[in-house]
């Protein structure tokens, strides 16, 4: 749904789970997805549970300082937050407005 809404005007990536099928997130996968969608406008990372948040924080800390400052961690509802963030990003919203749109999703 988020990809359809992006209409090529915003980049969307996701990750979750381990290669062996276990639940959770992998720091290297999160870092790769940030790289995959990187833009000078920045990246908003949505997380659902504590482990994903901690691993996302670690992945963000691994970035160069200049990139790290352009990444925002967002504890918004995943589905609603992703849809609203993509909608805002696809119309040119800045990093703060994309994060706010995700966090305001209900």
PDB file of N, CA and C in Angstrom:
ATOM      1  N   UNK A   1       0.822  -1.180   0.000  1.00  0.00           N
ATOM      2  CA  UNK A   1       0.000   0.000   0.000  1.00  0.00           C
ATOM      3  C   UNK A   1       0.880   1.264   0.000  1.00  0.00           C
ATOM      4  N   UNK A   2       1.901   1.244   0.851  1.00  0.00           N
ATOM      5  CA  UNK A   2       2.798   2.399   0.921  1.00  0.00           C
ATOM      6  C   UNK A   2       3.541   2.593  -0.399  1.00  0.00           C
ATOM      7  N   UNK A   3       3.971   1.506  -1.014  1.00  0.00           N
ATOM      8  CA  UNK A   3       4.648   1.614  -2.317  1.00  0.00           C
ATOM      9  C   UNK A   3       3.739   2.225  -3.367  1.00  0.00           C
ATOM     10  N   UNK A   4       2.478   1.814  -3.381  1.00  0.00           N
ATOM     11  CA  UNK A   4       1.528   2.362  -4.353  1.00  0.00           C
ATOM     12  C   UNK A   4       1.327   3.851  -4.124  1.00  0.00           C
ATOM     13  N   UNK A   5       1.264   4.261  -2.875  1.00  0.00           N
ATOM     14  CA  UNK A   5       1.062   5.678  -2.570  1.00  0.00           C
ATOM     15  C   UNK A   5       2.296   6.518  -2.896  1.00  0.00           C
ATOM     16  N   UNK A   6       3.464   5.912  -2.810  1.00  0.00           N
ATOM     17  CA  UNK A   6       4.703   6.661  -3.077  1.00  0.00           C
ATOM     18  C   UNK A   6       4.785   7.125  -4.519  1.00  0.00           C
ATOM     19  N   UNK A   7       4.177   6.370  -5.435  1.00  0.00           N
ATOM     20  CA  UNK A   7       4.129   6.723  -6.853  1.00  0.00           C
ATOM     21  C   UNK A   7       5.489   7.151  -7.404  1.00  0.00           C
ATOM     22  N   UNK A   8       6.553   6.523  -6.905  1.00  0.00           N
ATOM     23  CA  UNK A   8       7.890   6.841  -7.383  1.00  0.00           C
ATOM     24  C   UNK A   8       8.435   8.154  -6.870  1.00  0.00           C
ATOM     25  N   UNK A   9       7.698   8.838  -5.985  1.00  0.00           N
ATOM     26  CA  UNK A   9       8.139  10.132  -5.477  1.00  0.00           C
ATOM     27  C   UNK A   9       8.736  10.051  -4.087  1.00  0.00           C
ATOM     28  N   UNK A  10       8.662   8.869  -3.483  1.00  0.00           N
ATOM     29  CA  UNK A  10       9.274   8.624  -2.182  1.00  0.00           C
ATOM     30  C   UNK A  10       9.793   7.193  -2.192  1.00  0.00           C
ATOM     31  N   UNK A  11      10.891   6.986  -1.518  1.00  0.00           N
ATOM     32  CA  UNK A  11      11.476   5.642  -1.452  1.00  0.00           C
ATOM     33  C   UNK A  11      10.967   4.926  -0.213  1.00  0.00           C
ATOM     34  N   UNK A  12      10.668   3.652  -0.372  1.00  0.00           N
ATOM     35  CA  UNK A  12      10.135   2.845   0.724  1.00  0.00           C
ATOM     36  C   UNK A  12      10.926   1.542   0.792  1.00  0.00           C
ATOM     37  N   UNK A  13      11.316   1.173   2.011  1.00  0.00           N
ATOM     38  CA  UNK A  13      11.978  -0.113   2.232  1.00  0.00           C
ATOM     39  C   UNK A  13      11.496  -0.668   3.558  1.00  0.00           C
ATOM     40  N   UNK A  14      11.640  -1.961   3.730  1.00  0.00           N
ATOM     41  CA  UNK A  14      11.221  -2.579   4.987  1.00  0.00           C
ATOM     42  C   UNK A  14      12.117  -3.768   5.260  1.00  0.00           C
ATOM     43  N   UNK A  15      12.151  -4.152   6.512  1.00  0.00           N
ATOM     44  CA  UNK A  15      12.869  -5.363   6.883  1.00  0.00           C
ATOM     45  C   UNK A  15      12.295  -5.890   8.190  1.00  0.00           C
ATOM     46  N   UNK A  16      12.553  -7.118   8.433  1.00  0.00           N
ATOM     47  CA  UNK A  16      12.105  -7.762   9.659  1.00  0.00           C
ATOM     48  C   UNK A  16      12.324  -9.243   9.541  1.00  0.00           C
ATOM     49  N   UNK A  17      12.568  -9.858  10.653  1.00  0.00           N
ATOM     50  CA  UNK A  17      12.809 -11.289  10.672  1.00  0.00           C
ATOM     51  C   UNK A  17      14.266 -11.609  10.393  1.00  0.00           C
ATOM     52  N   UNK A  18      14.618 -12.818  10.737  1.00  0.00           N
ATOM     53  CA  UNK A  18      15.978 -13.314  10.519  1.00  0.00           C
ATOM     54  C   UNK A  18      15.976 -14.292   9.347  1.00  0.00           C
ATOM     55  N   UNK A  19      17.115 -14.511   8.771  1.00  0.00           N
ATOM     56  CA  UNK A  19      17.233 -15.416   7.617  1.00  0.00           C
ATOM     57  C   UNK A  19      16.745 -16.826   7.946  1.00  0.00           C
ATOM     58  N   UNK A  20      16.861 -17.229   9.210  1.00  0.00           N
ATOM     59  CA  UNK A  20      16.427 -18.579   9.597  1.00  0.00           C
ATOM     60  C   UNK A  20      14.942 -18.637   9.975  1.00  0.00           C
ATOM     61  N   UNK A  21      14.226 -17.530   9.761  1.00  0.00           N
ATOM     62  CA  UNK A  21      12.790 -17.510  10.015  1.00  0.00           C
ATOM     63  C   UNK A  21      12.390 -17.029  11.392  1.00  0.00           C
ATOM     64  N   UNK A  22      13.342 -16.745  12.254  1.00  0.00           N
ATOM     65  CA  UNK A  22      13.019 -16.259  13.593  1.00  0.00           C
ATOM     66  C   UNK A  22      12.527 -14.814  13.538  1.00  0.00           C
ATOM     67  N   UNK A  23      11.726 -14.452  14.529  1.00  0.00           N
ATOM     68  CA  UNK A  23      11.236 -13.085  14.636  1.00  0.00           C
ATOM     69  C   UNK A  23      12.353 -12.151  15.068  1.00  0.00           C
ATOM     70  N   UNK A  24      12.161 -10.879  14.813  1.00  0.00           N
ATOM     71  CA  UNK A  24      13.125  -9.878  15.244  1.00  0.00           C
ATOM     72  C   UNK A  24      13.663  -9.076  14.076  1.00  0.00           C
ATOM     73  N   UNK A  25      14.636  -8.264  14.384  1.00  0.00           N
ATOM     74  CA  UNK A  25      15.283  -7.446  13.350  1.00  0.00           C
ATOM     75  C   UNK A  25      16.790  -7.652  13.410  1.00  0.00           C
ATOM     76  N   UNK A  26      17.419  -7.406  12.293  1.00  0.00           N
ATOM     77  CA  UNK A  26      18.868  -7.564  12.168  1.00  0.00           C
ATOM     78  C   UNK A  26      19.456  -6.178  11.890  1.00  0.00           C
ATOM     79  N   UNK A  27      20.383  -5.770  12.715  1.00  0.00           N
ATOM     80  CA  UNK A  27      20.966  -4.431  12.590  1.00  0.00           C
ATOM     81  C   UNK A  27      21.510  -4.190  11.188  1.00  0.00           C
ATOM     82  N   UNK A  28      22.225  -5.148  10.639  1.00  0.00           N
ATOM     83  CA  UNK A  28      22.796  -4.979   9.296  1.00  0.00           C
ATOM     84  C   UNK A  28      21.707  -4.786   8.244  1.00  0.00           C
ATOM     85  N   UNK A  29      20.570  -5.459   8.407  1.00  0.00           N
ATOM     86  CA  UNK A  29      19.459  -5.288   7.458  1.00  0.00           C
ATOM     87  C   UNK A  29      18.871  -3.887   7.559  1.00  0.00           C
ATOM     88  N   UNK A  30      18.722  -3.394   8.772  1.00  0.00           N
ATOM     89  CA  UNK A  30      18.191  -2.036   8.972  1.00  0.00           C
ATOM     90  C   UNK A  30      19.136  -1.032   8.328  1.00  0.00           C
ATOM     91  N   UNK A  31      20.408  -1.182   8.597  1.00  0.00           N
ATOM     92  CA  UNK A  31      21.415  -0.281   8.023  1.00  0.00           C
ATOM     93  C   UNK A  31      21.362  -0.316   6.493  1.00  0.00           C
ATOM     94  N   UNK A  32      21.221  -1.505   5.919  1.00  0.00           N
ATOM     95  CA  UNK A  32      21.154  -1.641   4.463  1.00  0.00           C
ATOM     96  C   UNK A  32      19.909  -0.939   3.917  1.00  0.00           C
ATOM     97  N   UNK A  33      18.790  -1.072   4.582  1.00  0.00           N
ATOM     98  CA  UNK A  33      17.553  -0.426   4.106  1.00  0.00           C
ATOM     99  C   UNK A  33      17.665   1.090   4.177  1.00  0.00           C
ATOM    100  N   UNK A  34      18.331   1.600   5.208  1.00  0.00           N
ATOM    101  CA  UNK A  34      18.572   3.046   5.275  1.00  0.00           C
ATOM    102  C   UNK A  34      19.397   3.473   4.068  1.00  0.00           C
ATOM    103  N   UNK A  35      20.447   2.726   3.762  1.00  0.00           N
ATOM    104  CA  UNK A  35      21.274   3.023   2.581  1.00  0.00           C
ATOM    105  C   UNK A  35      20.455   2.920   1.297  1.00  0.00           C
ATOM    106  N   UNK A  36      19.578   1.929   1.222  1.00  0.00           N
ATOM    107  CA  UNK A  36      18.766   1.717   0.016  1.00  0.00           C
ATOM    108  C   UNK A  36      17.870   2.902  -0.311  1.00  0.00           C
ATOM    109  N   UNK A  37      17.340   3.550   0.710  1.00  0.00           N
ATOM    110  CA  UNK A  37      16.389   4.650   0.477  1.00  0.00           C
ATOM    111  C   UNK A  37      17.004   6.014   0.754  1.00  0.00           C
ATOM    112  N   UNK A  38      18.299   6.054   1.014  1.00  0.00           N
ATOM    113  CA  UNK A  38      18.946   7.305   1.407  1.00  0.00           C
ATOM    114  C   UNK A  38      18.688   8.421   0.417  1.00  0.00           C
ATOM    115  N   UNK A  39      18.456   9.596   0.947  1.00  0.00           N
ATOM    116  CA  UNK A  39      18.306  10.823   0.182  1.00  0.00           C
ATOM    117  C   UNK A  39      18.842  11.949   1.056  1.00  0.00           C
ATOM    118  N   UNK A  40      19.362  13.000   0.467  1.00  0.00           N
ATOM    119  CA  UNK A  40      19.801  14.147   1.269  1.00  0.00           C
ATOM    120  C   UNK A  40      18.655  14.758   2.095  1.00  0.00           C
ATOM    121  N   UNK A  41      17.415  14.476   1.676  1.00  0.00           N
ATOM    122  CA  UNK A  41      16.266  14.946   2.459  1.00  0.00           C
ATOM    123  C   UNK A  41      16.154  14.211   3.778  1.00  0.00           C
ATOM    124  N   UNK A  42      16.727  13.012   3.861  1.00  0.00           N
ATOM    125  CA  UNK A  42      16.720  12.243   5.089  1.00  0.00           C
ATOM    126  C   UNK A  42      15.886  10.990   4.990  1.00  0.00           C
ATOM    127  N   UNK A  43      15.826  10.260   6.103  1.00  0.00           N
ATOM    128  CA  UNK A  43      15.113   8.992   6.181  1.00  0.00           C
ATOM    129  C   UNK A  43      14.364   8.938   7.509  1.00  0.00           C
ATOM    130  N   UNK A  44      13.127   8.494   7.460  1.00  0.00           N
ATOM    131  CA  UNK A  44      12.357   8.226   8.666  1.00  0.00           C
ATOM    132  C   UNK A  44      12.255   6.714   8.813  1.00  0.00           C
ATOM    133  N   UNK A  45      12.646   6.199   9.979  1.00  0.00           N
ATOM    134  CA  UNK A  45      12.610   4.769  10.266  1.00  0.00           C
ATOM    135  C   UNK A  45      11.482   4.517  11.250  1.00  0.00           C
ATOM    136  N   UNK A  46      10.485   3.756  10.821  1.00  0.00           N
ATOM    137  CA  UNK A  46       9.375   3.389  11.696  1.00  0.00           C
ATOM    138  C   UNK A  46       9.682   2.063  12.371  1.00  0.00           C
ATOM    139  N   UNK A  47       9.395   1.981  13.656  1.00  0.00           N
ATOM    140  CA  UNK A  47       9.633   0.749  14.417  1.00  0.00           C
ATOM    141  C   UNK A  47       8.367   0.362  15.158  1.00  0.00           C
ATOM    142  N   UNK A  48       8.240  -0.942  15.433  1.00  0.00           N
ATOM    143  CA  UNK A  48       7.028  -1.411  16.092  1.00  0.00           C
ATOM    144  C   UNK A  48       7.237  -1.817  17.546  1.00  0.00           C
ATOM    145  N   UNK A  49       8.320  -2.451  17.879  1.00  0.00           N
ATOM    146  CA  UNK A  49       8.542  -2.961  19.234  1.00  0.00           C
ATOM    147  C   UNK A  49       9.928  -2.571  19.735  1.00  0.00           C
ATOM    148  N   UNK A  50      10.152  -2.777  21.026  1.00  0.00           N
ATOM    149  CA  UNK A  50      11.395  -2.365  21.668  1.00  0.00           C
ATOM    150  C   UNK A  50      12.653  -2.874  21.012  1.00  0.00           C
ATOM    151  N   UNK A  51      12.683  -4.147  20.612  1.00  0.00           N
ATOM    152  CA  UNK A  51      13.874  -4.696  19.974  1.00  0.00           C
ATOM    153  C   UNK A  51      14.177  -4.013  18.659  1.00  0.00           C
ATOM    154  N   UNK A  52      13.146  -3.746  17.889  1.00  0.00           N
ATOM    155  CA  UNK A  52      13.336  -3.051  16.607  1.00  0.00           C
ATOM    156  C   UNK A  52      13.845  -1.633  16.850  1.00  0.00           C
ATOM    157  N   UNK A  53      13.348  -1.014  17.898  1.00  0.00           N
ATOM    158  CA  UNK A  53      13.796   0.345  18.216  1.00  0.00           C
ATOM    159  C   UNK A  53      15.267   0.342  18.610  1.00  0.00           C
ATOM    160  N   UNK A  54      15.648  -0.556  19.484  1.00  0.00           N
ATOM    161  CA  UNK A  54      17.044  -0.638  19.916  1.00  0.00           C
ATOM    162  C   UNK A  54      17.969  -0.960  18.747  1.00  0.00           C
ATOM    163  N   UNK A  55      17.589  -1.924  17.923  1.00  0.00           N
ATOM    164  CA  UNK A  55      18.421  -2.281  16.767  1.00  0.00           C
ATOM    165  C   UNK A  55      18.489  -1.150  15.748  1.00  0.00           C
ATOM    166  N   UNK A  56      17.394  -0.416  15.580  1.00  0.00           N
ATOM    167  CA  UNK A  56      17.393   0.722  14.656  1.00  0.00           C
ATOM    168  C   UNK A  56      18.293   1.835  15.186  1.00  0.00           C
ATOM    169  N   UNK A  57      18.251   2.074  16.484  1.00  0.00           N
ATOM    170  CA  UNK A  57      19.142   3.077  17.081  1.00  0.00           C
ATOM    171  C   UNK A  57      20.606   2.698  16.837  1.00  0.00           C
ATOM    172  N   UNK A  58      20.911   1.421  16.994  1.00  0.00           N
ATOM    173  CA  UNK A  58      22.276   0.939  16.766  1.00  0.00           C
ATOM    174  C   UNK A  58      22.670   1.123  15.299  1.00  0.00           C
ATOM    175  N   UNK A  59      21.770   0.776  14.375  1.00  0.00           N
ATOM    176  CA  UNK A  59      22.052   0.941  12.949  1.00  0.00           C
ATOM    177  C   UNK A  59      22.286   2.413  12.605  1.00  0.00           C
ATOM    178  N   UNK A  60      21.502   3.286  13.185  1.00  0.00           N
ATOM    179  CA  UNK A  60      21.656   4.721  12.932  1.00  0.00           C
ATOM    180  C   UNK A  60      22.990   5.213  13.482  1.00  0.00           C
ATOM    181  N   UNK A  61      23.382   4.739  14.658  1.00  0.00           N
ATOM    182  CA  UNK A  61      24.662   5.139  15.248  1.00  0.00           C
ATOM    183  C   UNK A  61      25.846   4.715  14.387  1.00  0.00           C
ATOM    184  N   UNK A  62      25.678   3.694  13.571  1.00  0.00           N
ATOM    185  CA  UNK A  62      26.745   3.206  12.706  1.00  0.00           C
ATOM    186  C   UNK A  62      26.961   4.097  11.482  1.00  0.00           C
ATOM    187  N   UNK A  63      26.020   4.992  11.204  1.00  0.00           N
ATOM    188  CA  UNK A  63      26.131   5.874  10.038  1.00  0.00           C
ATOM    189  C   UNK A  63      27.156   6.969  10.288  1.00  0.00           C
ATOM    190  N   UNK A  64      27.686   7.534   9.207  1.00  0.00           N
ATOM    191  CA  UNK A  64      28.538   8.708   9.334  1.00  0.00           C
ATOM    192  C   UNK A  64      27.725   9.826   9.977  1.00  0.00           C
ATOM    193  N   UNK A  65      28.386  10.699  10.711  1.00  0.00           N
ATOM    194  CA  UNK A  65      27.702  11.753  11.455  1.00  0.00           C
ATOM    195  C   UNK A  65      26.789  12.583  10.567  1.00  0.00           C
ATOM    196  N   UNK A  66      27.248  12.974   9.381  1.00  0.00           N
ATOM    197  CA  UNK A  66      26.429  13.808   8.511  1.00  0.00           C
ATOM    198  C   UNK A  66      25.138  13.100   8.095  1.00  0.00           C
ATOM    199  N   UNK A  67      25.185  11.795   7.889  1.00  0.00           N
ATOM    200  CA  UNK A  67      23.985  11.040   7.530  1.00  0.00           C
ATOM    201  C   UNK A  67      23.125  10.790   8.768  1.00  0.00           C
ATOM    202  N   UNK A  68      23.772  10.481   9.874  1.00  0.00           N
ATOM    203  CA  UNK A  68      23.057  10.187  11.112  1.00  0.00           C
ATOM    204  C   UNK A  68      22.115  11.327  11.493  1.00  0.00           C
ATOM    205  N   UNK A  69      22.567  12.541  11.260  1.00  0.00           N
ATOM    206  CA  UNK A  69      21.753  13.712  11.609  1.00  0.00           C
ATOM    207  C   UNK A  69      20.512  13.845  10.741  1.00  0.00           C
ATOM    208  N   UNK A  70      20.442  13.116   9.637  1.00  0.00           N
ATOM    209  CA  UNK A  70      19.306  13.183   8.710  1.00  0.00           C
ATOM    210  C   UNK A  70      18.409  11.948   8.797  1.00  0.00           C
ATOM    211  N   UNK A  71      18.547  11.183   9.874  1.00  0.00           N
ATOM    212  CA  UNK A  71      17.710   9.994  10.073  1.00  0.00           C
ATOM    213  C   UNK A  71      16.914  10.180  11.360  1.00  0.00           C
ATOM    214  N   UNK A  72      15.614   9.937  11.267  1.00  0.00           N
ATOM    215  CA  UNK A  72      14.726  10.069  12.426  1.00  0.00           C
ATOM    216  C   UNK A  72      14.093   8.717  12.736  1.00  0.00           C
ATOM    217  N   UNK A  73      14.111   8.362  14.009  1.00  0.00           N
ATOM    218  CA  UNK A  73      13.460   7.156  14.483  1.00  0.00           C
ATOM    219  C   UNK A  73      12.052   7.524  14.919  1.00  0.00           C
ATOM    220  N   UNK A  74      11.096   6.748  14.497  1.00  0.00           N
ATOM    221  CA  UNK A  74       9.694   7.100  14.689  1.00  0.00           C
ATOM    222  C   UNK A  74       8.917   5.903  15.230  1.00  0.00           C
ATOM    223  N   UNK A  75       8.350   6.047  16.410  1.00  0.00           N
ATOM    224  CA  UNK A  75       7.551   4.977  17.008  1.00  0.00           C
ATOM    225  C   UNK A  75       6.075   5.246  16.728  1.00  0.00           C
ATOM    226  N   UNK A  76       5.725   5.152  15.489  1.00  0.00           N
ATOM    227  CA  UNK A  76       4.348   5.376  15.026  1.00  0.00           C
ATOM    228  C   UNK A  76       3.712   4.020  14.724  1.00  0.00           C
ATOM    229  N   UNK A  77       2.381   3.988  14.641  1.00  0.00           N
ATOM    230  CA  UNK A  77       1.745   2.747  14.190  1.00  0.00           C
ATOM    231  C   UNK A  77       2.296   2.391  12.807  1.00  0.00           C
ATOM    232  N   UNK A  78       2.746   1.167  12.635  1.00  0.00           N
ATOM    233  CA  UNK A  78       3.459   0.793  11.414  1.00  0.00           C
ATOM    234  C   UNK A  78       2.636   1.025  10.147  1.00  0.00           C
ATOM    235  N   UNK A  79       1.458   0.476  10.055  1.00  0.00           N
ATOM    236  CA  UNK A  79       0.672   0.603   8.825  1.00  0.00           C
ATOM    237  C   UNK A  79       0.228   2.036   8.614  1.00  0.00           C
ATOM    238  N   UNK A  80      -0.471   2.595   9.582  1.00  0.00           N
ATOM    239  CA  UNK A  80      -0.978   3.959   9.439  1.00  0.00           C
ATOM    240  C   UNK A  80       0.163   4.960   9.316  1.00  0.00           C
ATOM    241  N   UNK A  81       1.202   4.772  10.127  1.00  0.00           N
ATOM    242  CA  UNK A  81       2.347   5.682  10.088  1.00  0.00           C
ATOM    243  C   UNK A  81       3.067   5.647   8.758  1.00  0.00           C
ATOM    244  N   UNK A  82       3.240   4.446   8.216  1.00  0.00           N
ATOM    245  CA  UNK A  82       3.917   4.320   6.918  1.00  0.00           C
ATOM    246  C   UNK A  82       3.123   5.004   5.820  1.00  0.00           C
ATOM    247  N   UNK A  83       1.821   4.796   5.824  1.00  0.00           N
ATOM    248  CA  UNK A  83       0.969   5.415   4.795  1.00  0.00           C
ATOM    249  C   UNK A  83       1.044   6.934   4.874  1.00  0.00           C
ATOM    250  N   UNK A  84       0.918   7.471   6.068  1.00  0.00           N
ATOM    251  CA  UNK A  84       0.935   8.930   6.221  1.00  0.00           C
ATOM    252  C   UNK A  84       2.323   9.512   5.927  1.00  0.00           C
ATOM    253  N   UNK A  85       3.372   8.803   6.334  1.00  0.00           N
ATOM    254  CA  UNK A  85       4.727   9.283   6.054  1.00  0.00           C
ATOM    255  C   UNK A  85       4.996   9.313   4.554  1.00  0.00           C
ATOM    256  N   UNK A  86       4.593   8.260   3.858  1.00  0.00           N
ATOM    257  CA  UNK A  86       4.796   8.198   2.410  1.00  0.00           C
ATOM    258  C   UNK A  86       3.978   9.277   1.711  1.00  0.00           C
ATOM    259  N   UNK A  87       2.763   9.481   2.160  1.00  0.00           N
ATOM    260  CA  UNK A  87       1.937  10.531   1.552  1.00  0.00           C
ATOM    261  C   UNK A  87       2.608  11.893   1.696  1.00  0.00           C
ATOM    262  N   UNK A  88       3.119  12.175   2.868  1.00  0.00           N
ATOM    263  CA  UNK A  88       3.788  13.464   3.106  1.00  0.00           C
ATOM    264  C   UNK A  88       5.085  13.577   2.317  1.00  0.00           C
ATOM    265  N   UNK A  89       5.872  12.507   2.294  1.00  0.00           N
ATOM    266  CA  UNK A  89       7.141  12.536   1.555  1.00  0.00           C
ATOM    267  C   UNK A  89       6.917  12.684   0.060  1.00  0.00           C
ATOM    268  N   UNK A  90       5.869  12.048  -0.453  1.00  0.00           N
ATOM    269  CA  UNK A  90       5.641  12.075  -1.906  1.00  0.00           C
ATOM    270  C   UNK A  90       5.192  13.436  -2.417  1.00  0.00           C
ATOM    271  N   UNK A  91       4.737  14.300  -1.520  1.00  0.00           N
ATOM    272  CA  UNK A  91       4.379  15.664  -1.945  1.00  0.00           C
ATOM    273  C   UNK A  91       5.466  16.665  -1.572  1.00  0.00           C
ATOM    274  N   UNK A  92       6.649  16.129  -1.192  1.00  0.00           N
ATOM    275  CA  UNK A  92       7.793  16.996  -0.947  1.00  0.00           C
ATOM    276  C   UNK A  92       7.979  17.439   0.485  1.00  0.00           C
ATOM    277  N   UNK A  93       7.278  16.812   1.428  1.00  0.00           N
ATOM    278  CA  UNK A  93       7.434  17.191   2.827  1.00  0.00           C
ATOM    279  C   UNK A  93       8.863  17.030   3.307  1.00  0.00           C
ATOM    280  N   UNK A  94       9.286  17.919   4.200  1.00  0.00           N
ATOM    281  CA  UNK A  94      10.632  17.812   4.745  1.00  0.00           C
ATOM    282  C   UNK A  94      10.675  16.726   5.817  1.00  0.00           C
ATOM    283  N   UNK A  95      11.857  16.452   6.331  1.00  0.00           N
ATOM    284  CA  UNK A  95      12.057  15.365   7.278  1.00  0.00           C
ATOM    285  C   UNK A  95      11.151  15.501   8.499  1.00  0.00           C
ATOM    286  N   UNK A  96      11.071  16.684   9.068  1.00  0.00           N
ATOM    287  CA  UNK A  96      10.243  16.893  10.259  1.00  0.00           C
ATOM    288  C   UNK A  96       8.765  16.666   9.967  1.00  0.00           C
ATOM    289  N   UNK A  97       8.284  17.119   8.819  1.00  0.00           N
ATOM    290  CA  UNK A  97       6.863  16.947   8.507  1.00  0.00           C
ATOM    291  C   UNK A  97       6.523  15.498   8.189  1.00  0.00           C
ATOM    292  N   UNK A  98       7.473  14.755   7.598  1.00  0.00           N
ATOM    293  CA  UNK A  98       7.246  13.343   7.341  1.00  0.00           C
ATOM    294  C   UNK A  98       7.159  12.584   8.667  1.00  0.00           C
ATOM    295  N   UNK A  99       8.068  12.889   9.577  1.00  0.00           N
ATOM    296  CA  UNK A  99       8.038  12.241  10.895  1.00  0.00           C
ATOM    297  C   UNK A  99       6.747  12.592  11.631  1.00  0.00           C
ATOM    298  N   UNK A 100       6.371  13.843  11.617  1.00  0.00           N
ATOM    299  CA  UNK A 100       5.149  14.293  12.300  1.00  0.00           C
ATOM    300  C   UNK A 100       3.910  13.606  11.714  1.00  0.00           C
ATOM    301  N   UNK A 101       3.861  13.484  10.404  1.00  0.00           N
ATOM    302  CA  UNK A 101       2.723  12.822   9.755  1.00  0.00           C
ATOM    303  C   UNK A 101       2.596  11.372  10.230  1.00  0.00           C
ATOM    304  N   UNK A 102       3.727  10.686  10.329  1.00  0.00           N
ATOM    305  CA  UNK A 102       3.708   9.300  10.801  1.00  0.00           C
ATOM    306  C   UNK A 102       3.252   9.236  12.250  1.00  0.00           C
ATOM    307  N   UNK A 103       3.807  10.087  13.078  1.00  0.00           N
ATOM    308  CA  UNK A 103       3.487  10.059  14.505  1.00  0.00           C
ATOM    309  C   UNK A 103       2.051  10.481  14.789  1.00  0.00           C
ATOM    310  N   UNK A 104       1.478  11.300  13.946  1.00  0.00           N
ATOM    311  CA  UNK A 104       0.096  11.755  14.142  1.00  0.00           C
ATOM    312  C   UNK A 104      -0.929  10.766  13.600  1.00  0.00           C
ATOM    313  N   UNK A 105      -0.481   9.726  12.933  1.00  0.00           N
ATOM    314  CA  UNK A 105      -1.387   8.745  12.359  1.00  0.00           C
ATOM    315  C   UNK A 105      -2.135   8.003  13.474  1.00  0.00           C
ATOM    316  N   UNK A 106      -3.392   7.817  13.254  1.00  0.00           N
ATOM    317  CA  UNK A 106      -4.199   7.097  14.266  1.00  0.00           C
ATOM    318  C   UNK A 106      -4.930   5.964  13.607  1.00  0.00           C
TER     319      UNK A 106
END
